[in-house]
Amino acid sequence: MSALTVSQDTDQNWDDLVRYWEEMEWPEGSKVEIIEGIITVSPAPASRHNVIAERIQRRLYSVLPEELGIFQTQAIAVPSRRGMLIPDLLVAPVRECAEAGSHIPAALAELVVEVTSRSNASQDRVSKPAAYATAGIPLYLLADRWAPGGPTVTLYGEPKGDVYRVLRAVKFGDVIELPEPFGLTLDTGEFPVD
């Protein structure tokens, strides 16, 4: 199943768009985001997708300080990019997430993780990193199961404007290092390959 998009008038006010996103009844189990001003409804991810996210989450918990948490359904707002994004994993302060309504400012994130699905791979490779970089999120980890050269994991950092620098890139099966504040070696050999 592919993503369904609901396009809004390009002059649509950001607040009205967010209100529509918050108040609309969306299909149960779907992931609903605003990406570059377009409301995107995606089906629940496949099991392999979830296993990759779970493996990353498990490893991150071993190195996170108590004040940071890992969230799977927390929306982050990037109004300047007309984005309300829900990363597969989000590392952010627990207190701010606990006090948030439907979303938190993206700038609070320490790390976002996306695992591509066949239907949204281009968004995870292009639109979302541009929004995450614009928000100043220090690190973006992309587990790209559908990369043209085979499954890869890429760590992006040092955001400038809407662009990240590639810090490291590996094929599934290799290890990738996440720098401080994580100081984590992630073995991508634990990830299922399609």
Protein backbone atom coordinates (compact mmCIF):
# COMPACT_ATOMS: atom_id res chain seq x y z
CA MET A 1 0.00 0.00 0.00
CA SER A 2 1.38 3.42 -0.87
CA ALA A 3 1.03 6.69 0.97
CA LEU A 4 -2.07 8.80 0.41
CA THR A 5 -1.53 12.54 0.21
CA VAL A 6 -4.05 15.26 0.95
CA SER A 7 -2.84 18.47 -0.66
CA GLN A 8 -3.70 21.77 0.95
CA ASP A 9 -3.91 25.16 -0.77
CA THR A 10 -0.37 26.56 -1.00
CA ASP A 11 -1.58 29.70 0.77
CA GLN A 12 -2.94 27.61 3.65
CA ASN A 13 -2.07 29.11 7.00
CA TRP A 14 0.28 26.92 9.06
CA ASP A 15 -1.95 27.07 12.14
CA ASP A 16 -4.99 26.00 10.10
CA LEU A 17 -3.03 23.13 8.58
CA VAL A 18 -1.90 21.93 12.04
CA ARG A 19 -5.43 22.25 13.39
CA TYR A 20 -6.74 20.14 10.48
CA TRP A 21 -3.97 17.56 11.14
CA GLU A 22 -4.88 17.44 14.85
CA GLU A 23 -8.66 17.34 14.51
CA MET A 24 -9.22 15.04 11.54
CA GLU A 25 -10.02 11.37 12.22
CA TRP A 26 -7.35 9.42 10.38
CA PRO A 27 -7.33 5.66 9.67
CA GLU A 28 -6.37 3.73 12.80
CA GLY A 29 -2.77 2.51 12.77
CA SER A 30 -1.68 4.93 10.06
CA LYS A 31 1.12 7.48 10.33
CA VAL A 32 -0.05 11.00 9.50
CA GLU A 33 2.53 13.71 8.86
CA ILE A 34 2.72 17.09 7.20
CA ILE A 35 5.64 17.03 4.77
CA GLU A 36 6.36 20.27 2.91
CA GLY A 37 2.80 21.46 3.51
CA ILE A 38 1.17 18.22 2.32
CA ILE A 39 -0.67 15.94 4.74
CA THR A 40 0.64 12.43 4.12
CA VAL A 41 -1.09 9.32 5.42
CA SER A 42 1.06 6.19 5.38
CA PRO A 43 0.09 2.65 6.34
CA ALA A 44 1.57 1.00 9.43
CA PRO A 45 5.12 -0.16 8.67
CA ALA A 46 6.03 -3.78 7.91
CA SER A 47 7.51 -6.09 10.53
CA ARG A 48 11.10 -5.85 9.22
CA HIS A 49 10.86 -2.07 9.45
CA ASN A 50 9.76 -2.37 13.08
CA VAL A 51 12.53 -4.84 13.92
CA ILE A 52 15.18 -2.40 12.66
CA ALA A 53 13.68 0.42 14.75
CA GLU A 54 13.53 -1.88 17.79
CA ARG A 55 17.20 -2.91 17.42
CA ILE A 56 18.30 0.73 17.25
CA GLN A 57 16.08 1.67 20.18
CA ARG A 58 17.42 -1.18 22.32
CA ARG A 59 21.03 -0.08 21.71
CA LEU A 60 20.27 3.60 22.34
CA TYR A 61 18.70 2.88 25.74
CA SER A 62 22.03 1.46 26.91
CA VAL A 63 23.74 4.86 26.53
CA LEU A 64 21.03 7.48 27.18
CA PRO A 65 21.03 9.61 30.31
CA GLU A 66 17.84 9.51 32.37
CA GLU A 67 16.59 12.90 31.13
CA LEU A 68 16.44 11.74 27.50
CA GLY A 69 13.87 9.32 26.15
CA ILE A 70 13.17 7.51 22.91
CA PHE A 71 9.77 8.16 21.37
CA GLN A 72 8.11 6.35 18.45
CA THR A 73 4.99 8.41 17.85
CA GLN A 74 5.99 11.90 18.98
CA ALA A 75 5.39 14.54 16.31
CA ILE A 76 7.93 17.31 15.87
CA ALA A 77 7.09 20.66 14.29
CA VAL A 78 9.20 22.45 11.69
CA PRO A 79 6.90 25.34 10.71
CA SER A 80 9.51 27.01 8.48
CA ARG A 81 9.45 23.88 6.28
CA ARG A 82 5.67 23.40 6.70
CA GLY A 83 6.41 20.12 8.42
CA MET A 84 4.86 18.08 11.21
CA LEU A 85 6.99 14.97 11.18
CA ILE A 86 6.87 11.73 13.14
CA PRO A 87 10.27 10.05 13.01
CA ASP A 88 10.42 6.30 13.53
CA LEU A 89 12.53 7.09 16.60
CA LEU A 90 13.08 10.42 18.29
CA VAL A 91 15.55 11.08 21.11
CA ALA A 92 14.42 14.12 23.07
CA PRO A 93 14.08 15.38 26.64
CA VAL A 94 11.48 13.37 28.56
CA ARG A 95 10.15 16.42 30.45
CA GLU A 96 9.34 18.41 27.30
CA CYS A 97 7.69 15.41 25.64
CA ALA A 98 5.62 14.70 28.77
CA GLU A 99 4.40 18.31 28.84
CA ALA A 100 3.73 18.53 25.08
CA GLY A 101 0.37 18.50 23.42
CA SER A 102 0.27 16.93 19.99
CA HIS A 103 3.85 17.91 19.11
CA ILE A 104 7.14 19.43 20.28
CA PRO A 105 9.46 21.86 18.50
CA ALA A 106 11.89 19.84 16.36
CA ALA A 107 14.82 21.80 17.80
CA LEU A 108 14.42 19.83 21.06
CA ALA A 109 15.48 16.59 19.34
CA GLU A 110 18.99 15.22 19.87
CA LEU A 111 18.61 12.49 17.24
CA VAL A 112 15.99 11.38 14.75
CA VAL A 113 15.92 7.95 13.13
CA GLU A 114 14.05 7.00 9.99
CA VAL A 115 13.73 3.50 8.53
CA THR A 116 12.62 3.65 4.91
CA SER A 117 9.55 1.90 3.64
CA ARG A 118 9.10 1.30 -0.05
CA SER A 119 6.32 3.93 -0.21
CA ASN A 120 8.20 6.75 1.56
CA ALA A 121 11.91 6.20 0.84
CA SER A 122 12.27 9.44 -1.13
CA GLN A 123 10.74 11.48 1.70
CA ASP A 124 13.19 9.93 4.19
CA ARG A 125 16.11 10.68 1.82
CA VAL A 126 15.17 14.22 0.71
CA SER A 127 12.26 16.06 2.35
CA LYS A 128 12.71 14.93 5.94
CA PRO A 129 16.48 15.49 6.22
CA ALA A 130 16.00 19.00 4.81
CA ALA A 131 13.41 19.72 7.52
CA TYR A 132 15.49 18.09 10.27
CA ALA A 133 18.59 20.05 9.25
CA THR A 134 16.59 23.30 9.08
CA ALA A 135 15.44 22.66 12.67
CA GLY A 136 19.06 22.18 13.76
CA ILE A 137 18.64 18.57 14.91
CA PRO A 138 22.27 17.50 15.52
CA LEU A 139 22.05 13.93 14.16
CA TYR A 140 19.87 12.09 11.65
CA LEU A 141 20.25 8.32 11.25
CA LEU A 142 18.72 6.80 8.11
CA ALA A 143 18.35 3.02 7.79
CA ASP A 144 17.59 2.78 4.08
CA ARG A 145 16.33 -0.70 3.27
CA TRP A 146 15.56 0.35 -0.30
CA ALA A 147 18.79 2.20 -1.23
CA PRO A 148 19.66 1.76 -4.92
CA GLY A 149 23.00 0.06 -4.14
CA GLY A 150 21.53 -2.20 -1.44
CA PRO A 151 20.49 -1.59 2.17
CA THR A 152 22.58 1.11 3.88
CA VAL A 153 22.72 3.05 7.12
CA THR A 154 23.80 6.69 6.92
CA LEU A 155 24.52 9.04 9.80
CA TYR A 156 24.06 12.72 8.99
CA GLY A 157 25.23 15.61 11.16
CA GLU A 158 26.56 19.18 11.23
CA PRO A 159 23.37 20.75 9.84
CA LYS A 160 23.76 24.01 7.89
CA GLY A 161 20.61 25.57 6.53
CA ASP A 162 18.61 22.68 5.13
CA VAL A 163 21.59 20.40 4.45
CA TYR A 164 23.40 17.79 6.53
CA ARG A 165 26.91 16.50 6.05
CA VAL A 166 27.27 12.71 5.73
CA LEU A 167 29.28 11.67 8.79
CA ARG A 168 29.32 7.91 8.10
CA ALA A 169 27.66 5.46 5.73
CA VAL A 170 27.76 1.66 5.85
CA LYS A 171 26.09 -1.32 4.21
CA PHE A 172 23.74 -3.46 6.31
CA GLY A 173 25.98 -5.93 8.12
CA ASP A 174 28.69 -3.39 9.06
CA VAL A 175 29.01 -1.34 12.23
CA ILE A 176 28.37 2.39 12.43
CA GLU A 177 29.55 4.70 15.20
CA LEU A 178 27.28 7.33 16.69
CA PRO A 179 29.29 10.16 18.25
CA GLU A 180 28.79 11.72 21.68
CA PRO A 181 26.49 12.31 23.43
CA PHE A 182 25.69 8.72 22.39
CA GLY A 183 29.13 7.14 21.99
CA LEU A 184 27.51 4.04 20.54
CA THR A 185 28.66 1.35 18.12
CA LEU A 186 25.63 0.06 16.25
CA ASP A 187 25.93 -3.37 14.60
CA THR A 188 23.71 -3.26 11.53
CA GLY A 189 24.21 -7.00 11.11
CA GLU A 190 21.21 -7.28 13.47
CA PHE A 191 18.95 -5.70 10.84
CA PRO A 192 16.80 -7.99 8.70
CA VAL A 193 17.44 -7.67 4.97
CA ASP A 194 14.52 -7.85 2.53
